[in-house]
């Protein structure tokens, strides 16, 4: 069985996610848009999704939520299943300008 960490999309962003046009390739996700959730042990992402629906008291996996495998692989829940995703790397800090003093 695989172990997954659930990352739930913040509620205020769900409508925006639903209305977004699908893009080819892995989506880049912002960590700030997600709340870390529970760990789920299941045979597959689909088994984890089903478990979250059937288990009383568990927060169901919804469209926009992410399952993170132990290997670090991200699986984004979409309408038609799970798609590969990745965390967007933070923007590099701006380089400090070096100013030379006049001699």
C-alpha atoms as a PDB file:
ATOM      1  CA  UNK A   1       0.000   0.000   0.000  1.00  0.00           C
ATOM      2  CA  UNK A   2       1.152   3.507  -0.776  1.00  0.00           C
ATOM      3  CA  UNK A   3       0.943   6.395   1.637  1.00  0.00           C
ATOM      4  CA  UNK A   4      -0.337   9.785   0.432  1.00  0.00           C
ATOM      5  CA  UNK A   5      -0.432  13.182   2.099  1.00  0.00           C
ATOM      6  CA  UNK A   6      -3.580  15.139   1.222  1.00  0.00           C
ATOM      7  CA  UNK A   7      -3.221  18.859   0.451  1.00  0.00           C
ATOM      8  CA  UNK A   8      -6.607  20.568   0.319  1.00  0.00           C
ATOM      9  CA  UNK A   9      -7.184  23.580  -1.882  1.00  0.00           C
ATOM     10  CA  UNK A  10      -8.347  26.566   0.167  1.00  0.00           C
ATOM     11  CA  UNK A  11     -12.098  27.089  -0.172  1.00  0.00           C
ATOM     12  CA  UNK A  12     -11.834  30.601  -1.603  1.00  0.00           C
ATOM     13  CA  UNK A  13      -9.887  29.228  -4.586  1.00  0.00           C
ATOM     14  CA  UNK A  14     -12.174  26.325  -5.535  1.00  0.00           C
ATOM     15  CA  UNK A  15     -14.457  28.323  -7.854  1.00  0.00           C
ATOM     16  CA  UNK A  16     -11.426  29.909  -9.535  1.00  0.00           C
ATOM     17  CA  UNK A  17      -9.901  26.446 -10.048  1.00  0.00           C
ATOM     18  CA  UNK A  18     -13.123  25.033 -11.482  1.00  0.00           C
ATOM     19  CA  UNK A  19     -13.401  27.876 -13.998  1.00  0.00           C
ATOM     20  CA  UNK A  20      -9.756  27.709 -15.131  1.00  0.00           C
ATOM     21  CA  UNK A  21      -9.051  26.505 -18.650  1.00  0.00           C
ATOM     22  CA  UNK A  22      -7.180  23.174 -18.652  1.00  0.00           C
ATOM     23  CA  UNK A  23      -3.547  23.451 -19.760  1.00  0.00           C
ATOM     24  CA  UNK A  24      -1.299  20.745 -21.206  1.00  0.00           C
ATOM     25  CA  UNK A  25       1.511  19.360 -19.103  1.00  0.00           C
ATOM     26  CA  UNK A  26       1.900  19.276 -15.339  1.00  0.00           C
ATOM     27  CA  UNK A  27       0.282  22.182 -13.557  1.00  0.00           C
ATOM     28  CA  UNK A  28       2.476  24.277 -11.302  1.00  0.00           C
ATOM     29  CA  UNK A  29       0.832  24.777  -7.918  1.00  0.00           C
ATOM     30  CA  UNK A  30       1.506  27.301  -5.164  1.00  0.00           C
ATOM     31  CA  UNK A  31       1.981  25.775  -1.709  1.00  0.00           C
ATOM     32  CA  UNK A  32       0.291  28.827  -0.179  1.00  0.00           C
ATOM     33  CA  UNK A  33      -2.981  27.830  -1.891  1.00  0.00           C
ATOM     34  CA  UNK A  34      -3.148  24.513  -0.009  1.00  0.00           C
ATOM     35  CA  UNK A  35      -3.704  23.377   3.539  1.00  0.00           C
ATOM     36  CA  UNK A  36      -1.876  20.181   4.518  1.00  0.00           C
ATOM     37  CA  UNK A  37      -4.326  17.495   5.526  1.00  0.00           C
ATOM     38  CA  UNK A  38      -4.340  13.925   6.684  1.00  0.00           C
ATOM     39  CA  UNK A  39      -2.239  11.012   5.515  1.00  0.00           C
ATOM     40  CA  UNK A  40      -4.047   8.268   3.631  1.00  0.00           C
ATOM     41  CA  UNK A  41      -2.820   4.734   3.070  1.00  0.00           C
ATOM     42  CA  UNK A  42      -4.284   3.225  -0.097  1.00  0.00           C
ATOM     43  CA  UNK A  43      -3.392   1.014  -3.045  1.00  0.00           C
ATOM     44  CA  UNK A  44      -3.770   3.869  -5.558  1.00  0.00           C
ATOM     45  CA  UNK A  45      -4.855   7.517  -5.762  1.00  0.00           C
ATOM     46  CA  UNK A  46      -8.297   6.310  -6.866  1.00  0.00           C
ATOM     47  CA  UNK A  47      -8.535   4.008  -3.840  1.00  0.00           C
ATOM     48  CA  UNK A  48      -7.616   6.994  -1.638  1.00  0.00           C
ATOM     49  CA  UNK A  49     -10.353   9.061  -3.306  1.00  0.00           C
ATOM     50  CA  UNK A  50     -12.921   6.296  -2.762  1.00  0.00           C
ATOM     51  CA  UNK A  51     -11.830   5.816   0.860  1.00  0.00           C
ATOM     52  CA  UNK A  52     -12.272   9.548   1.527  1.00  0.00           C
ATOM     53  CA  UNK A  53     -15.836   9.331   0.176  1.00  0.00           C
ATOM     54  CA  UNK A  54     -16.798   6.193   2.081  1.00  0.00           C
ATOM     55  CA  UNK A  55     -15.085   6.864   5.415  1.00  0.00           C
ATOM     56  CA  UNK A  56     -17.328   8.723   7.833  1.00  0.00           C
ATOM     57  CA  UNK A  57     -15.558  11.662   9.396  1.00  0.00           C
ATOM     58  CA  UNK A  58     -12.903  11.899   6.673  1.00  0.00           C
ATOM     59  CA  UNK A  59     -12.739  15.027   4.539  1.00  0.00           C
ATOM     60  CA  UNK A  60     -13.541  13.897   0.974  1.00  0.00           C
ATOM     61  CA  UNK A  61     -10.975  14.577  -1.735  1.00  0.00           C
ATOM     62  CA  UNK A  62     -12.420  17.239  -4.036  1.00  0.00           C
ATOM     63  CA  UNK A  63     -11.503  18.650  -7.429  1.00  0.00           C
ATOM     64  CA  UNK A  64      -8.434  20.830  -6.940  1.00  0.00           C
ATOM     65  CA  UNK A  65      -7.026  18.837  -4.014  1.00  0.00           C
ATOM     66  CA  UNK A  66      -3.597  17.202  -4.293  1.00  0.00           C
ATOM     67  CA  UNK A  67      -2.286  13.843  -3.161  1.00  0.00           C
ATOM     68  CA  UNK A  68       1.451  13.794  -2.490  1.00  0.00           C
ATOM     69  CA  UNK A  69       3.040  10.343  -2.705  1.00  0.00           C
ATOM     70  CA  UNK A  70       5.934   9.329  -0.452  1.00  0.00           C
ATOM     71  CA  UNK A  71       8.207   9.756  -3.477  1.00  0.00           C
ATOM     72  CA  UNK A  72       7.175  13.434  -3.702  1.00  0.00           C
ATOM     73  CA  UNK A  73       5.015  12.908  -6.814  1.00  0.00           C
ATOM     74  CA  UNK A  74       1.993  15.236  -6.837  1.00  0.00           C
ATOM     75  CA  UNK A  75      -1.353  14.056  -8.195  1.00  0.00           C
ATOM     76  CA  UNK A  76      -3.953  16.762  -8.764  1.00  0.00           C
ATOM     77  CA  UNK A  77      -7.598  15.709  -8.556  1.00  0.00           C
ATOM     78  CA  UNK A  78      -9.397  16.878 -11.715  1.00  0.00           C
ATOM     79  CA  UNK A  79     -12.872  16.111 -13.065  1.00  0.00           C
ATOM     80  CA  UNK A  80     -11.576  13.213 -15.164  1.00  0.00           C
ATOM     81  CA  UNK A  81      -9.175  11.686 -12.647  1.00  0.00           C
ATOM     82  CA  UNK A  82      -5.728  12.551 -11.334  1.00  0.00           C
ATOM     83  CA  UNK A  83      -3.093  14.499 -13.259  1.00  0.00           C
ATOM     84  CA  UNK A  84       0.577  15.078 -12.609  1.00  0.00           C
ATOM     85  CA  UNK A  85       1.427  18.397 -10.967  1.00  0.00           C
ATOM     86  CA  UNK A  86       4.384  20.037  -9.254  1.00  0.00           C
ATOM     87  CA  UNK A  87       5.006  22.747  -6.701  1.00  0.00           C
ATOM     88  CA  UNK A  88       5.992  26.046  -8.235  1.00  0.00           C
ATOM     89  CA  UNK A  89       9.500  27.001  -7.166  1.00  0.00           C
ATOM     90  CA  UNK A  90       9.632  30.275  -5.257  1.00  0.00           C
ATOM     91  CA  UNK A  91      10.899  33.203  -7.274  1.00  0.00           C
ATOM     92  CA  UNK A  92      14.610  33.792  -6.780  1.00  0.00           C
ATOM     93  CA  UNK A  93      15.478  36.700  -4.512  1.00  0.00           C
ATOM     94  CA  UNK A  94      16.549  39.766  -6.468  1.00  0.00           C
ATOM     95  CA  UNK A  95      20.298  40.146  -6.638  1.00  0.00           C
ATOM     96  CA  UNK A  96      21.649  43.025  -4.649  1.00  0.00           C
ATOM     97  CA  UNK A  97      23.141  45.707  -6.837  1.00  0.00           C
ATOM     98  CA  UNK A  98      26.793  46.346  -6.079  1.00  0.00           C
ATOM     99  CA  UNK A  99      27.604  50.027  -6.078  1.00  0.00           C
ATOM    100  CA  UNK A 100      31.223  51.069  -6.047  1.00  0.00           C
ATOM    101  CA  UNK A 101      32.148  54.179  -4.110  1.00  0.00           C
ATOM    102  CA  UNK A 102      33.856  56.926  -6.115  1.00  0.00           C
ATOM    103  CA  UNK A 103      37.595  57.202  -5.503  1.00  0.00           C
END
